[in-house]
Amino acid sequence: MAKEEKIDADETAPKKSTKLVVIIVAAVLLLVVAGGGAAYFLLKPGDDHEDDDEVAEVAEKPKKKEVPPVYIAMDTFTVNLVPEAGEQYLQVAISVEAEDAATAEQLKLYTPRLRHEITDILSSKRASEVSSREGKKALAEEIRVAINEIVSAPSGKGKRTAGGAVKAVLFTTFIIQ
């Protein structure tokens, strides 16, 4: 009888460990399913109408054929600056970013007048005005406006656009001595 009790005790021991393994596996599965469900609800795209509006705006815009900009390099300008502390010189090389090739041709036609206007603008500046980054940006914008006025003048055949035919004036060399 003692043997029978021992055998019964041995048979019940594996059943307890099997139950424990089943419970652990069930708990892990439950956690994985709950975590997956939580991740799904947290990461799924919401029903925000703003996102729908943005997608609709992108879909409605007709795709424009993008034309690469045309760059026109101008000869180097060397001018005397307005004196502050003795004589100072400014040497600048400029490239102009135009909308299209027609604007580039227009710029070539007006080169002498453009050089005159740019020289006048440059020689009216002090070194302290154009040595900072903001000063250079303001100078580039002033030159861009002057070029657009010449190219888009009523006597010229330049087309009048909102920002002008010249998009930007870029300094490729900028030396103050």
N, C-alpha and C. Protein backbone atom coordinates (compact mmCIF):
# COMPACT_ATOMS: atom_id res chain seq x y z
N MET A 1 0.79 -1.16 0.00
CA MET A 1 0.00 0.00 0.00
C MET A 1 0.85 1.26 0.00
N ALA A 2 1.92 1.18 0.59
CA ALA A 2 2.84 2.30 0.59
C ALA A 2 3.33 2.54 -0.82
N LYS A 3 3.52 1.47 -1.56
CA LYS A 3 3.96 1.61 -2.94
C LYS A 3 2.88 2.27 -3.77
N GLU A 4 1.66 1.91 -3.57
CA GLU A 4 0.57 2.50 -4.34
C GLU A 4 0.45 3.99 -4.07
N GLU A 5 0.64 4.40 -2.85
CA GLU A 5 0.57 5.82 -2.52
C GLU A 5 1.69 6.58 -3.21
N LYS A 6 2.87 5.97 -3.27
CA LYS A 6 4.01 6.59 -3.92
C LYS A 6 3.74 6.77 -5.41
N ILE A 7 3.18 5.78 -6.05
CA ILE A 7 2.89 5.85 -7.47
C ILE A 7 1.84 6.92 -7.73
N ASP A 8 0.81 7.00 -6.87
CA ASP A 8 -0.21 8.03 -7.05
C ASP A 8 0.38 9.42 -6.89
N ALA A 9 1.29 9.57 -5.96
CA ALA A 9 1.92 10.88 -5.73
C ALA A 9 2.76 11.27 -6.94
N ASP A 10 3.47 10.30 -7.54
CA ASP A 10 4.30 10.56 -8.72
C ASP A 10 3.44 10.94 -9.92
N GLU A 11 2.29 10.32 -10.07
CA GLU A 11 1.42 10.60 -11.19
C GLU A 11 0.79 11.99 -11.07
N THR A 12 0.48 12.44 -9.88
CA THR A 12 -0.14 13.74 -9.70
C THR A 12 0.88 14.87 -9.85
N ALA A 13 2.13 14.65 -9.59
CA ALA A 13 3.16 15.69 -9.71
C ALA A 13 3.28 16.19 -11.15
N PRO A 14 3.38 15.30 -12.16
CA PRO A 14 3.45 15.81 -13.52
C PRO A 14 2.19 16.54 -13.93
N LYS A 15 1.05 16.17 -13.43
CA LYS A 15 -0.18 16.86 -13.79
C LYS A 15 -0.15 18.29 -13.28
N LYS A 16 0.39 18.53 -12.10
CA LYS A 16 0.47 19.87 -11.54
C LYS A 16 1.40 20.73 -12.40
N SER A 17 2.55 20.20 -12.81
CA SER A 17 3.49 20.98 -13.62
C SER A 17 2.92 21.23 -15.02
N THR A 18 2.16 20.30 -15.56
CA THR A 18 1.53 20.49 -16.86
C THR A 18 0.48 21.58 -16.76
N LYS A 19 -0.28 21.61 -15.69
CA LYS A 19 -1.27 22.64 -15.50
C LYS A 19 -0.60 24.01 -15.39
N LEU A 20 0.51 24.05 -14.69
CA LEU A 20 1.24 25.31 -14.52
C LEU A 20 1.76 25.82 -15.86
N VAL A 21 2.26 24.93 -16.70
CA VAL A 21 2.76 25.31 -18.02
C VAL A 21 1.61 25.81 -18.88
N VAL A 22 0.47 25.15 -18.84
CA VAL A 22 -0.69 25.57 -19.62
C VAL A 22 -1.15 26.95 -19.16
N ILE A 23 -1.17 27.18 -17.87
CA ILE A 23 -1.60 28.48 -17.34
C ILE A 23 -0.62 29.57 -17.79
N ILE A 24 0.66 29.31 -17.73
CA ILE A 24 1.68 30.29 -18.14
C ILE A 24 1.55 30.59 -19.64
N VAL A 25 1.40 29.56 -20.45
CA VAL A 25 1.26 29.75 -21.90
C VAL A 25 -0.01 30.54 -22.20
N ALA A 26 -1.09 30.23 -21.50
CA ALA A 26 -2.35 30.95 -21.72
C ALA A 26 -2.20 32.42 -21.32
N ALA A 27 -1.50 32.69 -20.22
CA ALA A 27 -1.29 34.07 -19.77
C ALA A 27 -0.44 34.84 -20.78
N VAL A 28 0.62 34.21 -21.29
CA VAL A 28 1.48 34.86 -22.28
C VAL A 28 0.70 35.15 -23.56
N LEU A 29 -0.10 34.19 -24.02
CA LEU A 29 -0.92 34.39 -25.20
C LEU A 29 -1.92 35.52 -24.99
N LEU A 30 -2.51 35.58 -23.82
CA LEU A 30 -3.46 36.63 -23.50
C LEU A 30 -2.77 38.00 -23.53
N LEU A 31 -1.57 38.09 -22.97
CA LEU A 31 -0.81 39.34 -22.99
C LEU A 31 -0.42 39.75 -24.42
N VAL A 32 -0.02 38.78 -25.23
CA VAL A 32 0.36 39.08 -26.61
C VAL A 32 -0.85 39.58 -27.40
N VAL A 33 -1.98 38.91 -27.24
CA VAL A 33 -3.19 39.33 -27.95
C VAL A 33 -3.64 40.71 -27.47
N ALA A 34 -3.61 40.93 -26.15
CA ALA A 34 -4.01 42.23 -25.62
C ALA A 34 -3.05 43.32 -26.08
N GLY A 35 -1.76 43.03 -26.07
CA GLY A 35 -0.76 44.01 -26.54
C GLY A 35 -0.92 44.30 -28.02
N GLY A 36 -1.19 43.27 -28.80
CA GLY A 36 -1.41 43.48 -30.24
C GLY A 36 -2.65 44.32 -30.51
N GLY A 37 -3.72 44.05 -29.77
CA GLY A 37 -4.95 44.83 -29.92
C GLY A 37 -4.72 46.29 -29.53
N ALA A 38 -4.02 46.50 -28.43
CA ALA A 38 -3.73 47.87 -27.98
C ALA A 38 -2.87 48.59 -29.01
N ALA A 39 -1.86 47.90 -29.54
CA ALA A 39 -1.00 48.52 -30.55
C ALA A 39 -1.79 48.86 -31.81
N TYR A 40 -2.69 48.00 -32.19
CA TYR A 40 -3.52 48.25 -33.38
C TYR A 40 -4.35 49.51 -33.20
N PHE A 41 -5.02 49.62 -32.05
CA PHE A 41 -5.88 50.77 -31.82
C PHE A 41 -5.09 52.07 -31.63
N LEU A 42 -3.91 51.97 -31.07
CA LEU A 42 -3.10 53.18 -30.85
C LEU A 42 -2.38 53.63 -32.11
N LEU A 43 -1.99 52.70 -32.95
CA LEU A 43 -1.19 53.04 -34.13
C LEU A 43 -1.99 53.14 -35.42
N LYS A 44 -3.23 52.74 -35.41
CA LYS A 44 -4.01 52.82 -36.65
C LYS A 44 -4.28 54.28 -36.97
N PRO A 45 -4.37 54.62 -38.27
CA PRO A 45 -4.66 56.01 -38.63
C PRO A 45 -6.04 56.38 -38.11
N GLY A 46 -6.09 57.58 -37.51
CA GLY A 46 -7.35 58.04 -36.93
C GLY A 46 -8.29 58.54 -38.00
N ASP A 47 -9.45 58.90 -37.59
CA ASP A 47 -10.45 59.44 -38.49
C ASP A 47 -10.38 60.96 -38.53
N ASP A 48 -9.15 61.49 -38.53
CA ASP A 48 -8.97 62.94 -38.58
C ASP A 48 -9.35 63.44 -39.96
N HIS A 49 -10.23 64.39 -40.00
CA HIS A 49 -10.68 64.95 -41.27
C HIS A 49 -9.61 65.85 -41.87
N GLU A 50 -8.70 66.37 -41.04
CA GLU A 50 -7.62 67.22 -41.55
C GLU A 50 -6.74 66.43 -42.52
N ASP A 51 -6.42 65.19 -42.16
CA ASP A 51 -5.59 64.37 -43.04
C ASP A 51 -6.30 64.12 -44.36
N ASP A 52 -7.61 63.89 -44.31
CA ASP A 52 -8.38 63.66 -45.54
C ASP A 52 -8.34 64.90 -46.42
N ASP A 53 -8.45 66.09 -45.81
CA ASP A 53 -8.43 67.33 -46.57
C ASP A 53 -7.08 67.52 -47.26
N GLU A 54 -6.00 67.21 -46.53
CA GLU A 54 -4.67 67.35 -47.12
C GLU A 54 -4.49 66.41 -48.30
N VAL A 55 -4.96 65.19 -48.16
CA VAL A 55 -4.85 64.21 -49.24
C VAL A 55 -5.67 64.69 -50.44
N ALA A 56 -6.86 65.24 -50.19
CA ALA A 56 -7.71 65.72 -51.27
C ALA A 56 -7.06 66.91 -51.98
N GLU A 57 -6.41 67.81 -51.23
CA GLU A 57 -5.75 68.96 -51.85
C GLU A 57 -4.61 68.50 -52.75
N VAL A 58 -3.84 67.53 -52.29
CA VAL A 58 -2.73 67.03 -53.09
C VAL A 58 -3.25 66.37 -54.35
N ALA A 59 -4.35 65.64 -54.24
CA ALA A 59 -4.91 64.95 -55.40
C ALA A 59 -5.50 65.95 -56.40
N GLU A 60 -6.04 67.08 -55.91
CA GLU A 60 -6.68 68.05 -56.80
C GLU A 60 -5.68 68.90 -57.57
N LYS A 61 -4.50 69.12 -57.02
CA LYS A 61 -3.52 69.97 -57.69
C LYS A 61 -3.02 69.29 -58.96
N PRO A 62 -3.13 69.98 -60.06
CA PRO A 62 -2.59 69.39 -61.28
C PRO A 62 -1.07 69.42 -61.21
N LYS A 63 -0.49 68.39 -61.69
CA LYS A 63 0.97 68.32 -61.65
C LYS A 63 1.55 69.19 -62.75
N LYS A 64 2.35 70.16 -62.30
CA LYS A 64 3.02 71.05 -63.24
C LYS A 64 4.32 70.41 -63.68
N LYS A 65 4.63 70.59 -64.91
CA LYS A 65 5.91 70.11 -65.39
C LYS A 65 6.95 71.10 -64.86
N GLU A 66 7.83 70.60 -64.04
CA GLU A 66 8.83 71.46 -63.44
C GLU A 66 9.95 71.74 -64.44
N VAL A 67 10.19 73.02 -64.64
CA VAL A 67 11.24 73.45 -65.55
C VAL A 67 12.44 73.82 -64.69
N PRO A 68 13.61 73.30 -65.02
CA PRO A 68 14.78 73.66 -64.22
C PRO A 68 15.10 75.14 -64.40
N PRO A 69 15.60 75.78 -63.35
CA PRO A 69 15.91 77.20 -63.46
C PRO A 69 17.08 77.43 -64.42
N VAL A 70 17.12 78.64 -64.95
CA VAL A 70 18.18 79.02 -65.86
C VAL A 70 19.07 80.01 -65.11
N TYR A 71 20.37 79.75 -65.07
CA TYR A 71 21.30 80.63 -64.39
C TYR A 71 22.13 81.38 -65.41
N ILE A 72 22.26 82.68 -65.21
CA ILE A 72 23.04 83.52 -66.10
C ILE A 72 24.15 84.15 -65.27
N ALA A 73 25.38 83.87 -65.64
CA ALA A 73 26.52 84.45 -64.92
C ALA A 73 26.84 85.81 -65.54
N MET A 74 27.00 86.79 -64.68
CA MET A 74 27.36 88.13 -65.14
C MET A 74 28.85 88.34 -64.86
N ASP A 75 29.44 89.28 -65.58
CA ASP A 75 30.85 89.58 -65.36
C ASP A 75 31.05 90.12 -63.94
N THR A 76 32.28 90.08 -63.47
CA THR A 76 32.61 90.55 -62.13
C THR A 76 32.48 92.07 -62.05
N PHE A 77 31.96 92.55 -60.93
CA PHE A 77 31.84 93.98 -60.66
C PHE A 77 32.88 94.36 -59.62
N THR A 78 33.62 95.43 -59.87
CA THR A 78 34.56 95.97 -58.89
C THR A 78 34.23 97.44 -58.73
N VAL A 79 33.87 97.84 -57.50
CA VAL A 79 33.46 99.22 -57.25
C VAL A 79 34.10 99.75 -55.97
N ASN A 80 34.19 101.08 -55.89
CA ASN A 80 34.58 101.74 -54.65
C ASN A 80 33.34 101.82 -53.76
N LEU A 81 33.51 101.49 -52.50
CA LEU A 81 32.41 101.63 -51.56
C LEU A 81 32.42 103.03 -50.97
N VAL A 82 31.32 103.45 -50.38
CA VAL A 82 31.26 104.73 -49.70
C VAL A 82 32.26 104.67 -48.55
N PRO A 83 33.18 105.65 -48.49
CA PRO A 83 34.26 105.56 -47.48
C PRO A 83 33.75 105.63 -46.05
N GLU A 84 34.29 104.74 -45.22
CA GLU A 84 34.04 104.76 -43.78
C GLU A 84 35.37 104.96 -43.07
N ALA A 85 36.32 104.14 -43.38
CA ALA A 85 37.66 104.21 -42.78
C ALA A 85 38.66 104.03 -43.90
N GLY A 86 38.84 105.06 -44.70
CA GLY A 86 39.73 104.95 -45.84
C GLY A 86 39.01 104.36 -47.02
N GLU A 87 39.75 104.13 -48.08
CA GLU A 87 39.17 103.60 -49.31
C GLU A 87 38.93 102.10 -49.16
N GLN A 88 37.74 101.68 -49.57
CA GLN A 88 37.41 100.26 -49.56
C GLN A 88 36.79 99.91 -50.90
N TYR A 89 37.07 98.67 -51.33
CA TYR A 89 36.59 98.19 -52.62
C TYR A 89 35.72 96.96 -52.41
N LEU A 90 34.82 96.77 -53.33
CA LEU A 90 33.96 95.58 -53.32
C LEU A 90 34.09 94.91 -54.68
N GLN A 91 34.40 93.64 -54.63
CA GLN A 91 34.45 92.85 -55.86
C GLN A 91 33.40 91.75 -55.74
N VAL A 92 32.48 91.73 -56.69
CA VAL A 92 31.35 90.80 -56.63
C VAL A 92 31.16 90.13 -57.99
N ALA A 93 30.96 88.82 -57.95
CA ALA A 93 30.54 88.09 -59.14
C ALA A 93 29.10 87.63 -58.87
N ILE A 94 28.24 87.85 -59.83
CA ILE A 94 26.81 87.59 -59.65
C ILE A 94 26.33 86.57 -60.69
N SER A 95 25.46 85.67 -60.23
CA SER A 95 24.69 84.81 -61.12
C SER A 95 23.22 85.12 -60.86
N VAL A 96 22.46 85.16 -61.94
CA VAL A 96 21.04 85.49 -61.85
C VAL A 96 20.23 84.24 -62.17
N GLU A 97 19.25 83.93 -61.31
CA GLU A 97 18.37 82.80 -61.54
C GLU A 97 17.10 83.32 -62.22
N ALA A 98 16.90 82.89 -63.47
CA ALA A 98 15.76 83.35 -64.26
C ALA A 98 14.71 82.24 -64.36
N GLU A 99 13.48 82.64 -64.68
CA GLU A 99 12.39 81.68 -64.81
C GLU A 99 12.57 80.73 -65.98
N ASP A 100 13.02 81.27 -67.11
CA ASP A 100 13.12 80.45 -68.31
C ASP A 100 14.18 81.02 -69.24
N ALA A 101 14.38 80.34 -70.36
CA ALA A 101 15.39 80.75 -71.33
C ALA A 101 15.05 82.09 -71.99
N ALA A 102 13.76 82.39 -72.14
CA ALA A 102 13.37 83.66 -72.74
C ALA A 102 13.81 84.83 -71.86
N THR A 103 13.71 84.67 -70.56
CA THR A 103 14.18 85.70 -69.63
C THR A 103 15.69 85.84 -69.72
N ALA A 104 16.38 84.72 -69.89
CA ALA A 104 17.83 84.76 -70.02
C ALA A 104 18.23 85.57 -71.26
N GLU A 105 17.51 85.37 -72.35
CA GLU A 105 17.79 86.13 -73.57
C GLU A 105 17.51 87.62 -73.35
N GLN A 106 16.45 87.91 -72.63
CA GLN A 106 16.09 89.29 -72.32
C GLN A 106 17.21 89.95 -71.50
N LEU A 107 17.76 89.21 -70.55
CA LEU A 107 18.85 89.74 -69.72
C LEU A 107 20.08 90.05 -70.58
N LYS A 108 20.36 89.20 -71.53
CA LYS A 108 21.52 89.43 -72.41
C LYS A 108 21.33 90.69 -73.24
N LEU A 109 20.10 90.95 -73.67
CA LEU A 109 19.83 92.16 -74.45
C LEU A 109 20.06 93.43 -73.64
N TYR A 110 19.76 93.38 -72.35
CA TYR A 110 19.86 94.55 -71.49
C TYR A 110 21.13 94.58 -70.66
N THR A 111 22.14 93.82 -71.00
CA THR A 111 23.35 93.72 -70.19
C THR A 111 23.99 95.08 -69.88
N PRO A 112 24.19 95.97 -70.83
CA PRO A 112 24.83 97.25 -70.47
C PRO A 112 24.01 98.04 -69.43
N ARG A 113 22.73 98.10 -69.62
CA ARG A 113 21.88 98.84 -68.67
C ARG A 113 21.87 98.15 -67.30
N LEU A 114 21.83 96.83 -67.30
CA LEU A 114 21.86 96.09 -66.05
C LEU A 114 23.17 96.32 -65.30
N ARG A 115 24.29 96.27 -66.03
CA ARG A 115 25.60 96.51 -65.40
C ARG A 115 25.65 97.90 -64.79
N HIS A 116 25.09 98.88 -65.49
CA HIS A 116 25.08 100.25 -64.98
C HIS A 116 24.29 100.33 -63.66
N GLU A 117 23.09 99.78 -63.66
CA GLU A 117 22.25 99.83 -62.46
C GLU A 117 22.89 99.09 -61.29
N ILE A 118 23.45 97.93 -61.56
CA ILE A 118 24.08 97.14 -60.50
C ILE A 118 25.30 97.88 -59.95
N THR A 119 26.08 98.48 -60.83
CA THR A 119 27.25 99.26 -60.39
C THR A 119 26.80 100.42 -59.51
N ASP A 120 25.74 101.12 -59.90
CA ASP A 120 25.21 102.22 -59.08
C ASP A 120 24.78 101.73 -57.70
N ILE A 121 24.10 100.60 -57.66
CA ILE A 121 23.64 100.06 -56.37
C ILE A 121 24.83 99.68 -55.50
N LEU A 122 25.79 98.98 -56.07
CA LEU A 122 26.95 98.51 -55.29
C LEU A 122 27.79 99.68 -54.77
N SER A 123 28.00 100.69 -55.61
CA SER A 123 28.86 101.80 -55.20
C SER A 123 28.19 102.73 -54.20
N SER A 124 26.90 102.58 -53.98
CA SER A 124 26.21 103.41 -53.00
C SER A 124 26.21 102.80 -51.60
N LYS A 125 26.86 101.67 -51.43
CA LYS A 125 26.84 100.96 -50.15
C LYS A 125 28.11 101.19 -49.34
N ARG A 126 27.98 101.04 -48.04
CA ARG A 126 29.13 101.08 -47.12
C ARG A 126 29.52 99.63 -46.83
N ALA A 127 30.78 99.43 -46.48
CA ALA A 127 31.25 98.08 -46.16
C ALA A 127 30.47 97.49 -45.00
N SER A 128 30.14 98.30 -44.01
CA SER A 128 29.40 97.81 -42.85
C SER A 128 27.99 97.35 -43.22
N GLU A 129 27.41 97.93 -44.26
CA GLU A 129 26.06 97.55 -44.69
C GLU A 129 26.02 96.19 -45.36
N VAL A 130 27.07 95.85 -46.09
CA VAL A 130 27.04 94.62 -46.90
C VAL A 130 27.92 93.50 -46.35
N SER A 131 28.57 93.71 -45.21
CA SER A 131 29.46 92.67 -44.70
C SER A 131 28.72 91.58 -43.93
N SER A 132 27.53 91.88 -43.40
CA SER A 132 26.77 90.86 -42.66
C SER A 132 25.93 90.02 -43.62
N ARG A 133 25.47 88.90 -43.13
CA ARG A 133 24.63 88.02 -43.94
C ARG A 133 23.32 88.71 -44.34
N GLU A 134 22.71 89.40 -43.38
CA GLU A 134 21.47 90.12 -43.67
C GLU A 134 21.71 91.21 -44.70
N GLY A 135 22.86 91.88 -44.60
CA GLY A 135 23.21 92.93 -45.56
C GLY A 135 23.35 92.38 -46.97
N LYS A 136 23.96 91.21 -47.08
CA LYS A 136 24.11 90.57 -48.40
C LYS A 136 22.76 90.17 -48.97
N LYS A 137 21.88 89.64 -48.10
CA LYS A 137 20.54 89.26 -48.57
C LYS A 137 19.76 90.48 -49.04
N ALA A 138 19.85 91.58 -48.29
CA ALA A 138 19.15 92.80 -48.67
C ALA A 138 19.72 93.35 -49.98
N LEU A 139 21.02 93.29 -50.14
CA LEU A 139 21.66 93.76 -51.38
C LEU A 139 21.21 92.90 -52.56
N ALA A 140 21.19 91.59 -52.39
CA ALA A 140 20.75 90.69 -53.46
C ALA A 140 19.30 90.99 -53.84
N GLU A 141 18.45 91.24 -52.86
CA GLU A 141 17.04 91.55 -53.14
C GLU A 141 16.92 92.89 -53.87
N GLU A 142 17.71 93.88 -53.47
CA GLU A 142 17.67 95.18 -54.14
C GLU A 142 18.10 95.06 -55.60
N ILE A 143 19.12 94.26 -55.85
CA ILE A 143 19.59 94.04 -57.22
C ILE A 143 18.52 93.29 -58.02
N ARG A 144 17.90 92.29 -57.40
CA ARG A 144 16.85 91.52 -58.09
C ARG A 144 15.70 92.41 -58.51
N VAL A 145 15.27 93.29 -57.62
CA VAL A 145 14.17 94.21 -57.94
C VAL A 145 14.56 95.13 -59.09
N ALA A 146 15.80 95.65 -59.05
CA ALA A 146 16.26 96.54 -60.12
C ALA A 146 16.30 95.82 -61.47
N ILE A 147 16.78 94.59 -61.47
CA ILE A 147 16.84 93.82 -62.72
C ILE A 147 15.43 93.57 -63.25
N ASN A 148 14.51 93.20 -62.36
CA ASN A 148 13.13 92.94 -62.79
C ASN A 148 12.47 94.20 -63.34
N GLU A 149 12.79 95.36 -62.79
CA GLU A 149 12.23 96.60 -63.31
C GLU A 149 12.73 96.87 -64.73
N ILE A 150 13.99 96.59 -64.98
CA ILE A 150 14.56 96.83 -66.31
C ILE A 150 14.01 95.82 -67.32
N VAL A 151 14.01 94.56 -66.96
CA VAL A 151 13.60 93.50 -67.89
C VAL A 151 12.09 93.56 -68.14
N SER A 152 11.30 93.93 -67.14
CA SER A 152 9.85 93.96 -67.28
C SER A 152 9.32 95.35 -67.61
N ALA A 153 10.20 96.25 -68.01
CA ALA A 153 9.77 97.61 -68.33
C ALA A 153 8.81 97.57 -69.52
N PRO A 154 7.89 98.54 -69.61
CA PRO A 154 6.92 98.55 -70.72
C PRO A 154 7.60 98.55 -72.08
N SER A 155 8.77 99.17 -72.21
CA SER A 155 9.44 99.18 -73.51
C SER A 155 10.03 97.82 -73.84
N GLY A 156 10.29 97.01 -72.80
CA GLY A 156 10.82 95.67 -73.03
C GLY A 156 9.70 94.70 -73.27
N LYS A 157 10.05 93.53 -73.69
CA LYS A 157 9.04 92.52 -73.95
C LYS A 157 9.02 91.49 -72.83
N GLY A 158 9.57 91.85 -71.68
CA GLY A 158 9.60 90.93 -70.56
C GLY A 158 8.20 90.68 -70.03
N LYS A 159 7.96 89.48 -69.59
CA LYS A 159 6.63 89.19 -69.07
C LYS A 159 6.56 89.58 -67.60
N ARG A 160 5.43 90.08 -67.21
CA ARG A 160 5.25 90.52 -65.84
C ARG A 160 4.64 89.37 -65.03
N THR A 161 5.41 88.91 -64.08
CA THR A 161 4.90 87.87 -63.19
C THR A 161 4.90 88.43 -61.78
N ALA A 162 4.30 87.70 -60.86
CA ALA A 162 4.13 88.20 -59.50
C ALA A 162 5.46 88.57 -58.86
N GLY A 163 6.46 87.71 -58.95
CA GLY A 163 7.75 87.98 -58.32
C GLY A 163 8.75 88.54 -59.29
N GLY A 164 8.40 88.64 -60.55
CA GLY A 164 9.33 89.09 -61.57
C GLY A 164 9.94 87.93 -62.32
N ALA A 165 10.56 88.24 -63.43
CA ALA A 165 11.15 87.20 -64.26
C ALA A 165 12.42 86.63 -63.63
N VAL A 166 13.08 87.44 -62.80
CA VAL A 166 14.29 86.99 -62.10
C VAL A 166 13.89 86.54 -60.71
N LYS A 167 14.18 85.29 -60.41
CA LYS A 167 13.79 84.72 -59.11
C LYS A 167 14.77 85.08 -58.01
N ALA A 168 16.07 85.08 -58.33
CA ALA A 168 17.07 85.31 -57.29
C ALA A 168 18.35 85.86 -57.90
N VAL A 169 19.07 86.59 -57.06
CA VAL A 169 20.42 87.04 -57.40
C VAL A 169 21.35 86.33 -56.44
N LEU A 170 22.34 85.64 -57.00
CA LEU A 170 23.25 84.84 -56.19
C LEU A 170 24.67 85.39 -56.31
N PHE A 171 25.32 85.58 -55.18
CA PHE A 171 26.71 86.05 -55.19
C PHE A 171 27.61 84.83 -55.26
N THR A 172 28.44 84.76 -56.30
CA THR A 172 29.38 83.65 -56.40
C THR A 172 30.76 84.06 -55.90
N THR A 173 31.03 85.36 -55.87
CA THR A 173 32.23 85.91 -55.26
C THR A 173 31.83 87.19 -54.55
N PHE A 174 32.37 87.40 -53.34
CA PHE A 174 32.04 88.60 -52.59
C PHE A 174 33.26 88.98 -51.76
N ILE A 175 34.02 89.98 -52.22
CA ILE A 175 35.27 90.35 -51.55
C ILE A 175 35.22 91.85 -51.22
N ILE A 176 35.49 92.17 -49.96
CA ILE A 176 35.60 93.57 -49.53
C ILE A 176 37.05 93.77 -49.12
N GLN A 177 37.69 94.81 -49.68
CA GLN A 177 39.07 95.14 -49.32
C GLN A 177 39.15 96.55 -48.82
